[in-house]
Amino acid sequence: MQETMINQNIIIKEPSRNLRALGRNALVGKWKVAIAAVCLSVVVINLPQIIFDRLFGTNLSSLMVDGGAAGGMSAEFYSDIYDSAPATSILSVIYAILITGAVTLGISLFFLAAFRRHEVGVTDIFLGFEKFGKALGLMLFQGLFIFLWSLLLVVPGIIAAIRYSQAFFILADNPNKGIRQCMDESKAMMAGNIGKYFCMNLSFIGWLLICGVASGAVASIGAVITTNNFVIALFTLVGTLFVAPADAYIYATRAGFYEILAGHLIKETEPTPVFSEEARENPDGFMYKEIENKDEDDRDEGQQL
């Protein structure tokens, strides 16, 4: 057994390569739809912000001049420094705050369903809007906690982000749970698993570097062919889509991580298949089987196997 129980909390000891294998297996036959779903989520979050900034954004040089340049600096001086900076709009900030929580919940719903071998569609990412208010509240609550810990130092902020990383999966798994309950359960689940979660995410560095090269190349093309900040932003957005394969892989693996923490998967030591339809077997030969989630008693019984 590579998972142990401490105070009813599952401690994951599987190496990162085994956890990634769970993510890959979940994406078998679903890579295209998963990548498309990630791309759609990126566009939904970022494209309206770019448009808002283009239509209503204010350049930093204008703010400096209108507010009175410190030290009597001329408008030309600030224009030379800041004109190359993209314009920003308060509307884009408000939009990002309102939309990100629901899209994050939708992504969590999508990859949990994909991991559980359910049929998924690209537009499933919009299912998070059915719990718009709760998703928004969870995002704000989560962000506040991470921000407050980040005020101490960077490391406490990273630890806080990992500690509350399961909150959206918990809400996706049980939409009736409250915001604080999702946060508290995430904190309890991650006790003893923070280092493992960090290492698991760090193990994707190769994928991110490869995809990042393509992303950076596209963004650089935009910067070379034009000085228009709106066009450059569009090229940057298109470049971001090249990271979608890595993001899909990461999301699927995180879904598997949650499934183990939640007690929905148990380690199976027998070499025979354990699924009625198909076995999820990683390259190292270990298998997990799903625990039927009929009720809480079944789940507790499964965790004790």
C-alpha atoms as a PDB file:
ATOM      1  CA  MET A   1       0.000   0.000   0.000  1.00  0.00           C
ATOM      2  CA  GLN A   2       1.284   3.418  -0.939  1.00  0.00           C
ATOM      3  CA  GLU A   3      -1.380   5.367   0.917  1.00  0.00           C
ATOM      4  CA  THR A   4      -1.579   5.434   4.706  1.00  0.00           C
ATOM      5  CA  MET A   5      -4.240   6.781   7.031  1.00  0.00           C
ATOM      6  CA  ILE A   6      -3.406   9.314   9.739  1.00  0.00           C
ATOM      7  CA  ASN A   7      -6.368  10.484  11.808  1.00  0.00           C
ATOM      8  CA  GLN A   8      -8.716   9.410   8.996  1.00  0.00           C
ATOM      9  CA  ASN A   9      -6.602  11.369   6.504  1.00  0.00           C
ATOM     10  CA  ILE A  10      -5.099   9.622   3.479  1.00  0.00           C
ATOM     11  CA  ILE A  11      -1.402  10.280   3.029  1.00  0.00           C
ATOM     12  CA  ILE A  12      -0.282   9.735  -0.555  1.00  0.00           C
ATOM     13  CA  LYS A  13       3.146   8.187  -0.984  1.00  0.00           C
ATOM     14  CA  GLU A  14       3.003   7.240  -4.659  1.00  0.00           C
ATOM     15  CA  PRO A  15       5.835   8.727  -6.760  1.00  0.00           C
ATOM     16  CA  SER A  16       4.859  11.526  -9.091  1.00  0.00           C
ATOM     17  CA  ARG A  17       5.268   9.357 -12.195  1.00  0.00           C
ATOM     18  CA  ASN A  18       2.542   7.026 -10.917  1.00  0.00           C
ATOM     19  CA  LEU A  19       0.206   9.925 -10.217  1.00  0.00           C
ATOM     20  CA  ARG A  20       0.838  11.311 -13.698  1.00  0.00           C
ATOM     21  CA  ALA A  21       0.013   7.886 -15.105  1.00  0.00           C
ATOM     22  CA  LEU A  22      -3.448   8.146 -13.556  1.00  0.00           C
ATOM     23  CA  GLY A  23      -3.919  11.453 -15.348  1.00  0.00           C
ATOM     24  CA  ARG A  24      -2.777  10.061 -18.683  1.00  0.00           C
ATOM     25  CA  ASN A  25      -5.062   7.054 -18.387  1.00  0.00           C
ATOM     26  CA  ALA A  26      -8.009   9.337 -17.624  1.00  0.00           C
ATOM     27  CA  LEU A  27      -7.315  11.216 -20.871  1.00  0.00           C
ATOM     28  CA  VAL A  28      -7.194   8.147 -23.106  1.00  0.00           C
ATOM     29  CA  GLY A  29      -9.647   8.876 -25.912  1.00  0.00           C
ATOM     30  CA  LYS A  30     -10.348  12.318 -24.395  1.00  0.00           C
ATOM     31  CA  TRP A  31      -7.218  14.317 -25.189  1.00  0.00           C
ATOM     32  CA  LYS A  32      -8.842  16.380 -27.942  1.00  0.00           C
ATOM     33  CA  VAL A  33     -11.940  17.317 -25.968  1.00  0.00           C
ATOM     34  CA  ALA A  34      -9.868  18.036 -22.858  1.00  0.00           C
ATOM     35  CA  ILE A  35      -7.485  20.327 -24.740  1.00  0.00           C
ATOM     36  CA  ALA A  36     -10.438  22.053 -26.409  1.00  0.00           C
ATOM     37  CA  ALA A  37     -12.100  22.569 -23.013  1.00  0.00           C
ATOM     38  CA  VAL A  38      -8.936  24.139 -21.595  1.00  0.00           C
ATOM     39  CA  CYS A  39      -8.595  26.389 -24.651  1.00  0.00           C
ATOM     40  CA  LEU A  40     -12.214  27.488 -24.316  1.00  0.00           C
ATOM     41  CA  SER A  41     -11.723  28.325 -20.645  1.00  0.00           C
ATOM     42  CA  VAL A  42      -8.656  30.432 -21.472  1.00  0.00           C
ATOM     43  CA  VAL A  43     -10.528  32.327 -24.193  1.00  0.00           C
ATOM     44  CA  VAL A  44     -13.613  32.879 -22.020  1.00  0.00           C
ATOM     45  CA  ILE A  45     -11.498  34.366 -19.237  1.00  0.00           C
ATOM     46  CA  ASN A  46      -8.981  36.365 -21.258  1.00  0.00           C
ATOM     47  CA  LEU A  47     -10.533  37.521 -24.547  1.00  0.00           C
ATOM     48  CA  PRO A  48     -13.216  39.766 -22.989  1.00  0.00           C
ATOM     49  CA  GLN A  49     -10.541  41.312 -20.769  1.00  0.00           C
ATOM     50  CA  ILE A  50      -8.459  42.173 -23.829  1.00  0.00           C
ATOM     51  CA  ILE A  51     -11.503  43.738 -25.506  1.00  0.00           C
ATOM     52  CA  PHE A  52     -12.434  45.712 -22.374  1.00  0.00           C
ATOM     53  CA  ASP A  53      -8.881  47.001 -22.089  1.00  0.00           C
ATOM     54  CA  ARG A  54      -8.918  47.991 -25.739  1.00  0.00           C
ATOM     55  CA  LEU A  55     -12.248  49.837 -25.558  1.00  0.00           C
ATOM     56  CA  PHE A  56     -12.110  51.329 -22.077  1.00  0.00           C
ATOM     57  CA  GLY A  57      -8.514  50.963 -20.925  1.00  0.00           C
ATOM     58  CA  THR A  58      -6.422  53.838 -19.682  1.00  0.00           C
ATOM     59  CA  ASN A  59      -2.703  54.048 -20.352  1.00  0.00           C
ATOM     60  CA  LEU A  60      -0.461  54.555 -17.352  1.00  0.00           C
ATOM     61  CA  SER A  61       1.154  57.596 -18.947  1.00  0.00           C
ATOM     62  CA  SER A  62      -2.248  59.294 -19.104  1.00  0.00           C
ATOM     63  CA  LEU A  63      -2.819  58.656 -15.420  1.00  0.00           C
ATOM     64  CA  MET A  64       0.563  60.087 -14.532  1.00  0.00           C
ATOM     65  CA  VAL A  65       0.029  63.220 -16.626  1.00  0.00           C
ATOM     66  CA  ASP A  66      -3.574  63.769 -15.542  1.00  0.00           C
ATOM     67  CA  GLY A  67      -2.648  63.267 -11.907  1.00  0.00           C
ATOM     68  CA  GLY A  68       0.237  65.683 -12.072  1.00  0.00           C
ATOM     69  CA  ALA A  69       3.726  64.410 -12.788  1.00  0.00           C
ATOM     70  CA  ALA A  70       5.887  64.219  -9.728  1.00  0.00           C
ATOM     71  CA  GLY A  71       8.922  66.437  -9.781  1.00  0.00           C
ATOM     72  CA  GLY A  72       7.602  68.479 -12.695  1.00  0.00           C
ATOM     73  CA  MET A  73       8.441  65.847 -15.284  1.00  0.00           C
ATOM     74  CA  SER A  74       7.037  66.590 -18.720  1.00  0.00           C
ATOM     75  CA  ALA A  75       4.209  64.678 -20.360  1.00  0.00           C
ATOM     76  CA  GLU A  76       6.634  63.608 -23.077  1.00  0.00           C
ATOM     77  CA  PHE A  77       8.873  61.951 -20.504  1.00  0.00           C
ATOM     78  CA  TYR A  78       6.045  59.798 -19.146  1.00  0.00           C
ATOM     79  CA  SER A  79       4.750  59.141 -22.631  1.00  0.00           C
ATOM     80  CA  ASP A  80       8.109  57.746 -23.722  1.00  0.00           C
ATOM     81  CA  ILE A  81       8.263  55.443 -20.697  1.00  0.00           C
ATOM     82  CA  TYR A  82       4.693  54.215 -20.448  1.00  0.00           C
ATOM     83  CA  ASP A  83       3.186  54.365 -23.936  1.00  0.00           C
ATOM     84  CA  SER A  84       4.468  50.880 -24.663  1.00  0.00           C
ATOM     85  CA  ALA A  85       2.582  49.504 -21.655  1.00  0.00           C
ATOM     86  CA  PRO A  86      -0.843  47.976 -22.351  1.00  0.00           C
ATOM     87  CA  ALA A  87      -3.903  49.954 -21.364  1.00  0.00           C
ATOM     88  CA  THR A  88      -5.902  48.567 -18.472  1.00  0.00           C
ATOM     89  CA  SER A  89      -9.578  48.862 -17.619  1.00  0.00           C
ATOM     90  CA  ILE A  90     -11.400  48.425 -14.328  1.00  0.00           C
ATOM     91  CA  LEU A  91     -14.054  46.543 -16.301  1.00  0.00           C
ATOM     92  CA  SER A  92     -11.564  43.826 -17.225  1.00  0.00           C
ATOM     93  CA  VAL A  93     -10.608  43.422 -13.573  1.00  0.00           C
ATOM     94  CA  ILE A  94     -14.249  43.167 -12.496  1.00  0.00           C
ATOM     95  CA  TYR A  95     -14.954  40.680 -15.291  1.00  0.00           C
ATOM     96  CA  ALA A  96     -12.025  38.490 -14.256  1.00  0.00           C
ATOM     97  CA  ILE A  97     -13.183  38.464 -10.637  1.00  0.00           C
ATOM     98  CA  LEU A  98     -16.746  37.570 -11.577  1.00  0.00           C
ATOM     99  CA  ILE A  99     -15.969  34.897 -14.143  1.00  0.00           C
ATOM    100  CA  THR A 100     -12.918  33.030 -12.864  1.00  0.00           C
ATOM    101  CA  GLY A 101     -14.631  31.187 -10.018  1.00  0.00           C
ATOM    102  CA  ALA A 102     -17.384  29.729 -12.194  1.00  0.00           C
ATOM    103  CA  VAL A 103     -14.944  28.694 -14.934  1.00  0.00           C
ATOM    104  CA  THR A 104     -12.630  27.087 -12.361  1.00  0.00           C
ATOM    105  CA  LEU A 105     -15.558  25.120 -10.961  1.00  0.00           C
ATOM    106  CA  GLY A 106     -16.523  24.107 -14.506  1.00  0.00           C
ATOM    107  CA  ILE A 107     -12.991  22.876 -15.228  1.00  0.00           C
ATOM    108  CA  SER A 108     -13.049  20.887 -11.978  1.00  0.00           C
ATOM    109  CA  LEU A 109     -16.393  19.328 -12.929  1.00  0.00           C
ATOM    110  CA  PHE A 110     -15.105  18.495 -16.416  1.00  0.00           C
ATOM    111  CA  PHE A 111     -11.939  16.719 -15.296  1.00  0.00           C
ATOM    112  CA  LEU A 112     -13.603  14.882 -12.424  1.00  0.00           C
ATOM    113  CA  ALA A 113     -16.170  13.543 -14.901  1.00  0.00           C
ATOM    114  CA  ALA A 114     -13.432  12.644 -17.380  1.00  0.00           C
ATOM    115  CA  PHE A 115     -11.444  10.843 -14.701  1.00  0.00           C
ATOM    116  CA  ARG A 116     -14.551   8.872 -13.742  1.00  0.00           C
ATOM    117  CA  ARG A 117     -14.986   7.751 -17.350  1.00  0.00           C
ATOM    118  CA  HIS A 118     -18.128   9.778 -17.931  1.00  0.00           C
ATOM    119  CA  GLU A 119     -18.948  11.339 -21.262  1.00  0.00           C
ATOM    120  CA  VAL A 120     -17.741  14.934 -21.357  1.00  0.00           C
ATOM    121  CA  GLY A 121     -18.162  17.806 -23.773  1.00  0.00           C
ATOM    122  CA  VAL A 122     -16.252  21.035 -24.321  1.00  0.00           C
ATOM    123  CA  THR A 123     -19.155  23.166 -23.089  1.00  0.00           C
ATOM    124  CA  ASP A 124     -19.210  21.299 -19.772  1.00  0.00           C
ATOM    125  CA  ILE A 125     -16.906  23.992 -18.433  1.00  0.00           C
ATOM    126  CA  PHE A 126     -19.967  26.266 -18.290  1.00  0.00           C
ATOM    127  CA  LEU A 127     -21.670  23.968 -15.774  1.00  0.00           C
ATOM    128  CA  GLY A 128     -19.888  25.907 -13.056  1.00  0.00           C
ATOM    129  CA  PHE A 129     -22.195  28.852 -13.742  1.00  0.00           C
ATOM    130  CA  GLU A 130     -25.050  26.839 -12.240  1.00  0.00           C
ATOM    131  CA  LYS A 131     -23.383  27.541  -8.891  1.00  0.00           C
ATOM    132  CA  PHE A 132     -22.150  30.991  -9.852  1.00  0.00           C
ATOM    133  CA  GLY A 133     -22.579  32.633  -6.443  1.00  0.00           C
ATOM    134  CA  LYS A 134     -20.944  29.823  -4.500  1.00  0.00           C
ATOM    135  CA  ALA A 135     -18.080  29.547  -7.013  1.00  0.00           C
ATOM    136  CA  LEU A 136     -17.466  33.297  -6.804  1.00  0.00           C
ATOM    137  CA  GLY A 137     -17.535  33.201  -3.010  1.00  0.00           C
ATOM    138  CA  LEU A 138     -15.130  30.259  -2.890  1.00  0.00           C
ATOM    139  CA  MET A 139     -12.704  31.973  -5.247  1.00  0.00           C
ATOM    140  CA  LEU A 140     -12.755  35.180  -3.190  1.00  0.00           C
ATOM    141  CA  PHE A 141     -12.446  33.311   0.097  1.00  0.00           C
ATOM    142  CA  GLN A 142      -9.627  31.155  -1.237  1.00  0.00           C
ATOM    143  CA  GLY A 143      -7.849  34.150  -2.736  1.00  0.00           C
ATOM    144  CA  LEU A 144      -8.129  36.107   0.510  1.00  0.00           C
ATOM    145  CA  PHE A 145      -6.559  33.319   2.560  1.00  0.00           C
ATOM    146  CA  ILE A 146      -3.717  32.883   0.076  1.00  0.00           C
ATOM    147  CA  PHE A 147      -3.135  36.649  -0.075  1.00  0.00           C
ATOM    148  CA  LEU A 148      -2.993  36.997   3.709  1.00  0.00           C
ATOM    149  CA  TRP A 149      -0.471  34.169   4.011  1.00  0.00           C
ATOM    150  CA  SER A 150       1.531  35.680   1.151  1.00  0.00           C
ATOM    151  CA  LEU A 151       1.944  38.861   3.178  1.00  0.00           C
ATOM    152  CA  LEU A 152       4.253  36.925   5.483  1.00  0.00           C
ATOM    153  CA  LEU A 153       6.528  35.504   2.798  1.00  0.00           C
ATOM    154  CA  VAL A 154       6.309  33.786  -0.574  1.00  0.00           C
ATOM    155  CA  VAL A 155       6.660  30.291   0.885  1.00  0.00           C
ATOM    156  CA  PRO A 156       3.683  30.588   3.291  1.00  0.00           C
ATOM    157  CA  GLY A 157       1.624  31.834   0.339  1.00  0.00           C
ATOM    158  CA  ILE A 158       2.581  28.796  -1.738  1.00  0.00           C
ATOM    159  CA  ILE A 159       1.762  26.474   1.153  1.00  0.00           C
ATOM    160  CA  ALA A 160      -1.628  28.150   1.583  1.00  0.00           C
ATOM    161  CA  ALA A 161      -2.376  27.784  -2.136  1.00  0.00           C
ATOM    162  CA  ILE A 162      -1.594  24.065  -1.914  1.00  0.00           C
ATOM    163  CA  ARG A 163      -3.520  23.643   1.337  1.00  0.00           C
ATOM    164  CA  TYR A 164      -6.720  24.963  -0.256  1.00  0.00           C
ATOM    165  CA  SER A 165      -6.097  23.438  -3.701  1.00  0.00           C
ATOM    166  CA  GLN A 166      -8.818  20.789  -3.308  1.00  0.00           C
ATOM    167  CA  ALA A 167     -11.616  23.240  -2.472  1.00  0.00           C
ATOM    168  CA  PHE A 168     -13.044  23.482  -6.004  1.00  0.00           C
ATOM    169  CA  PHE A 169     -12.878  19.712  -6.503  1.00  0.00           C
ATOM    170  CA  ILE A 170     -14.768  19.277  -3.227  1.00  0.00           C
ATOM    171  CA  LEU A 171     -17.427  21.752  -4.359  1.00  0.00           C
ATOM    172  CA  ALA A 172     -17.634  20.064  -7.779  1.00  0.00           C
ATOM    173  CA  ASP A 173     -18.053  16.681  -6.083  1.00  0.00           C
ATOM    174  CA  ASN A 174     -20.757  17.950  -3.723  1.00  0.00           C
ATOM    175  CA  PRO A 175     -22.298  21.305  -4.756  1.00  0.00           C
ATOM    176  CA  ASN A 176     -24.402  21.386  -1.588  1.00  0.00           C
ATOM    177  CA  LYS A 177     -21.365  21.955   0.620  1.00  0.00           C
ATOM    178  CA  GLY A 178     -20.701  25.443   1.899  1.00  0.00           C
ATOM    179  CA  ILE A 179     -17.724  27.616   1.047  1.00  0.00           C
ATOM    180  CA  ARG A 180     -16.099  27.356   4.458  1.00  0.00           C
ATOM    181  CA  GLN A 181     -16.732  23.608   4.541  1.00  0.00           C
ATOM    182  CA  CYS A 182     -14.928  23.164   1.215  1.00  0.00           C
ATOM    183  CA  MET A 183     -11.985  25.163   2.519  1.00  0.00           C
ATOM    184  CA  ASP A 184     -11.826  23.252   5.795  1.00  0.00           C
ATOM    185  CA  GLU A 185     -12.081  19.871   4.083  1.00  0.00           C
ATOM    186  CA  SER A 186      -9.346  20.817   1.630  1.00  0.00           C
ATOM    187  CA  LYS A 187      -7.097  21.830   4.504  1.00  0.00           C
ATOM    188  CA  ALA A 188      -7.797  18.510   6.274  1.00  0.00           C
ATOM    189  CA  MET A 189      -7.201  16.465   3.100  1.00  0.00           C
ATOM    190  CA  MET A 190      -3.893  18.149   2.366  1.00  0.00           C
ATOM    191  CA  ALA A 191      -2.463  17.634   5.861  1.00  0.00           C
ATOM    192  CA  GLY A 192       0.644  15.569   5.241  1.00  0.00           C
ATOM    193  CA  ASN A 193       0.272  15.848   1.450  1.00  0.00           C
ATOM    194  CA  ILE A 194       1.574  19.355   0.764  1.00  0.00           C
ATOM    195  CA  GLY A 195       5.055  18.210  -0.206  1.00  0.00           C
ATOM    196  CA  LYS A 196       3.699  15.432  -2.433  1.00  0.00           C
ATOM    197  CA  TYR A 197       1.325  17.826  -4.221  1.00  0.00           C
ATOM    198  CA  PHE A 198       4.138  20.328  -4.767  1.00  0.00           C
ATOM    199  CA  CYS A 199       6.464  17.670  -6.192  1.00  0.00           C
ATOM    200  CA  MET A 200       3.694  16.283  -8.400  1.00  0.00           C
ATOM    201  CA  ASN A 201       3.076  19.685  -9.970  1.00  0.00           C
ATOM    202  CA  LEU A 202       6.799  20.363 -10.261  1.00  0.00           C
ATOM    203  CA  SER A 203       7.194  17.127 -12.223  1.00  0.00           C
ATOM    204  CA  PHE A 204       5.313  18.731 -15.132  1.00  0.00           C
ATOM    205  CA  ILE A 205       8.128  21.238 -15.665  1.00  0.00           C
ATOM    206  CA  GLY A 206       9.284  19.482 -18.848  1.00  0.00           C
ATOM    207  CA  TRP A 207       5.841  19.628 -20.427  1.00  0.00           C
ATOM    208  CA  LEU A 208       5.439  23.266 -19.459  1.00  0.00           C
ATOM    209  CA  LEU A 209       8.840  24.204 -20.874  1.00  0.00           C
ATOM    210  CA  ILE A 210       8.123  22.521 -24.198  1.00  0.00           C
ATOM    211  CA  CYS A 211       4.692  24.105 -24.516  1.00  0.00           C
ATOM    212  CA  GLY A 212       6.085  27.394 -23.230  1.00  0.00           C
ATOM    213  CA  VAL A 213       8.593  27.577 -26.082  1.00  0.00           C
ATOM    214  CA  ALA A 214       5.773  27.416 -28.645  1.00  0.00           C
ATOM    215  CA  SER A 215       3.715  29.879 -26.628  1.00  0.00           C
ATOM    216  CA  GLY A 216       6.586  32.337 -26.355  1.00  0.00           C
ATOM    217  CA  ALA A 217       7.357  32.054 -30.070  1.00  0.00           C
ATOM    218  CA  VAL A 218       3.814  33.032 -31.042  1.00  0.00           C
ATOM    219  CA  ALA A 219       3.799  35.932 -28.582  1.00  0.00           C
ATOM    220  CA  SER A 220       7.166  37.106 -29.929  1.00  0.00           C
ATOM    221  CA  ILE A 221       5.842  37.120 -33.492  1.00  0.00           C
ATOM    222  CA  GLY A 222       3.131  39.543 -32.423  1.00  0.00           C
ATOM    223  CA  ALA A 223       5.676  41.820 -30.783  1.00  0.00           C
ATOM    224  CA  VAL A 224       7.856  41.783 -33.908  1.00  0.00           C
ATOM    225  CA  ILE A 225       5.222  42.495 -36.552  1.00  0.00           C
ATOM    226  CA  THR A 226       3.359  45.275 -34.729  1.00  0.00           C
ATOM    227  CA  THR A 227       3.525  47.799 -31.931  1.00  0.00           C
ATOM    228  CA  ASN A 228      -0.232  47.761 -31.434  1.00  0.00           C
ATOM    229  CA  ASN A 229      -0.800  46.544 -27.880  1.00  0.00           C
ATOM    230  CA  PHE A 230      -4.224  45.100 -28.751  1.00  0.00           C
ATOM    231  CA  VAL A 231      -2.777  42.923 -31.520  1.00  0.00           C
ATOM    232  CA  ILE A 232       0.129  41.909 -29.308  1.00  0.00           C
ATOM    233  CA  ALA A 233      -2.342  40.870 -26.601  1.00  0.00           C
ATOM    234  CA  LEU A 234      -4.247  38.736 -29.130  1.00  0.00           C
ATOM    235  CA  PHE A 235      -1.023  37.022 -30.209  1.00  0.00           C
ATOM    236  CA  THR A 236      -0.180  36.413 -26.566  1.00  0.00           C
ATOM    237  CA  LEU A 237      -3.612  34.853 -26.015  1.00  0.00           C
ATOM    238  CA  VAL A 238      -3.155  32.580 -29.030  1.00  0.00           C
ATOM    239  CA  GLY A 239       0.272  31.634 -27.710  1.00  0.00           C
ATOM    240  CA  THR A 240      -1.247  30.732 -24.359  1.00  0.00           C
ATOM    241  CA  LEU A 241      -3.408  28.129 -26.086  1.00  0.00           C
ATOM    242  CA  PHE A 242      -0.263  26.152 -26.933  1.00  0.00           C
ATOM    243  CA  VAL A 243       0.076  25.374 -23.220  1.00  0.00           C
ATOM    244  CA  ALA A 244      -3.366  23.716 -23.221  1.00  0.00           C
ATOM    245  CA  PRO A 245      -2.047  20.129 -23.655  1.00  0.00           C
ATOM    246  CA  ALA A 246       0.118  20.489 -20.560  1.00  0.00           C
ATOM    247  CA  ASP A 247      -2.740  22.113 -18.649  1.00  0.00           C
ATOM    248  CA  ALA A 248      -5.121  19.283 -19.573  1.00  0.00           C
ATOM    249  CA  TYR A 249      -2.572  16.724 -18.391  1.00  0.00           C
ATOM    250  CA  ILE A 250      -2.081  18.623 -15.129  1.00  0.00           C
ATOM    251  CA  TYR A 251      -5.821  19.031 -14.474  1.00  0.00           C
ATOM    252  CA  ALA A 252      -6.454  15.320 -15.075  1.00  0.00           C
ATOM    253  CA  THR A 253      -3.636  14.368 -12.705  1.00  0.00           C
ATOM    254  CA  ARG A 254      -4.939  16.747 -10.048  1.00  0.00           C
ATOM    255  CA  ALA A 255      -8.364  15.153 -10.409  1.00  0.00           C
ATOM    256  CA  GLY A 256      -6.768  11.768  -9.738  1.00  0.00           C
ATOM    257  CA  PHE A 257      -4.952  13.213  -6.737  1.00  0.00           C
ATOM    258  CA  TYR A 258      -8.280  14.416  -5.354  1.00  0.00           C
ATOM    259  CA  GLU A 259      -9.933  11.049  -5.999  1.00  0.00           C
ATOM    260  CA  ILE A 260      -7.296   9.318  -3.881  1.00  0.00           C
ATOM    261  CA  LEU A 261      -7.544  11.903  -1.097  1.00  0.00           C
ATOM    262  CA  ALA A 262     -11.330  11.646  -1.067  1.00  0.00           C
ATOM    263  CA  GLY A 263     -11.136   7.868  -0.694  1.00  0.00           C
ATOM    264  CA  HIS A 264     -12.736   7.161  -4.075  1.00  0.00           C
ATOM    265  CA  LEU A 265      -9.744   5.104  -5.207  1.00  0.00           C
ATOM    266  CA  ILE A 266      -7.877   2.412  -3.319  1.00  0.00           C
ATOM    267  CA  LYS A 267      -4.635   0.655  -4.131  1.00  0.00           C
ATOM    268  CA  GLU A 268      -5.165  -2.810  -5.529  1.00  0.00           C
ATOM    269  CA  THR A 269      -2.272  -5.239  -5.050  1.00  0.00           C
ATOM    270  CA  GLU A 270      -3.626  -8.181  -7.069  1.00  0.00           C
ATOM    271  CA  PRO A 271      -2.336  -8.424 -10.645  1.00  0.00           C
ATOM    272  CA  THR A 272      -5.825  -9.112 -12.045  1.00  0.00           C
ATOM    273  CA  PRO A 273      -8.022  -6.337 -13.518  1.00  0.00           C
ATOM    274  CA  VAL A 274     -10.235  -4.631 -10.969  1.00  0.00           C
ATOM    275  CA  PHE A 275     -12.653  -2.669 -13.163  1.00  0.00           C
ATOM    276  CA  SER A 276     -15.750  -4.124 -14.705  1.00  0.00           C
ATOM    277  CA  GLU A 277     -15.085  -2.210 -17.942  1.00  0.00           C
ATOM    278  CA  GLU A 278     -11.370  -1.616 -17.969  1.00  0.00           C
ATOM    279  CA  ALA A 279      -8.450  -1.472 -15.600  1.00  0.00           C
ATOM    280  CA  ARG A 280      -6.520   1.711 -15.015  1.00  0.00           C
ATOM    281  CA  GLU A 281      -2.980   0.417 -15.052  1.00  0.00           C
ATOM    282  CA  ASN A 282       0.091   2.598 -15.017  1.00  0.00           C
ATOM    283  CA  PRO A 283       3.426   1.678 -16.560  1.00  0.00           C
ATOM    284  CA  ASP A 284       4.706   0.383 -13.216  1.00  0.00           C
ATOM    285  CA  GLY A 285       1.925  -2.141 -12.965  1.00  0.00           C
ATOM    286  CA  PHE A 286      -0.007  -0.853  -9.953  1.00  0.00           C
ATOM    287  CA  MET A 287      -3.751  -0.523 -10.205  1.00  0.00           C
ATOM    288  CA  TYR A 288      -6.434   1.482  -8.531  1.00  0.00           C
ATOM    289  CA  LYS A 289     -10.058   0.573  -8.296  1.00  0.00           C
ATOM    290  CA  GLU A 290     -12.990   2.848  -7.696  1.00  0.00           C
ATOM    291  CA  ILE A 291     -15.088   2.614  -4.569  1.00  0.00           C
ATOM    292  CA  GLU A 292     -18.800   2.854  -5.205  1.00  0.00           C
ATOM    293  CA  ASN A 293     -19.988   6.013  -3.571  1.00  0.00           C
ATOM    294  CA  LYS A 294     -23.388   4.739  -2.461  1.00  0.00           C
ATOM    295  CA  ASP A 295     -23.255   6.385   0.899  1.00  0.00           C
ATOM    296  CA  GLU A 296     -20.812   7.625   3.483  1.00  0.00           C
ATOM    297  CA  ASP A 297     -20.637   4.207   5.168  1.00  0.00           C
ATOM    298  CA  ASP A 298     -19.450   2.606   1.929  1.00  0.00           C
ATOM    299  CA  ARG A 299     -16.798   5.272   1.508  1.00  0.00           C
ATOM    300  CA  ASP A 300     -15.527   4.846   5.053  1.00  0.00           C
ATOM    301  CA  GLU A 301     -15.450   1.091   4.615  1.00  0.00           C
ATOM    302  CA  GLY A 302     -13.481   1.459   1.375  1.00  0.00           C
ATOM    303  CA  GLN A 303     -10.889   3.664   3.024  1.00  0.00           C
ATOM    304  CA  GLN A 304     -10.190   1.007   5.617  1.00  0.00           C
ATOM    305  CA  LEU A 305      -9.422  -1.715   3.055  1.00  0.00           C
END
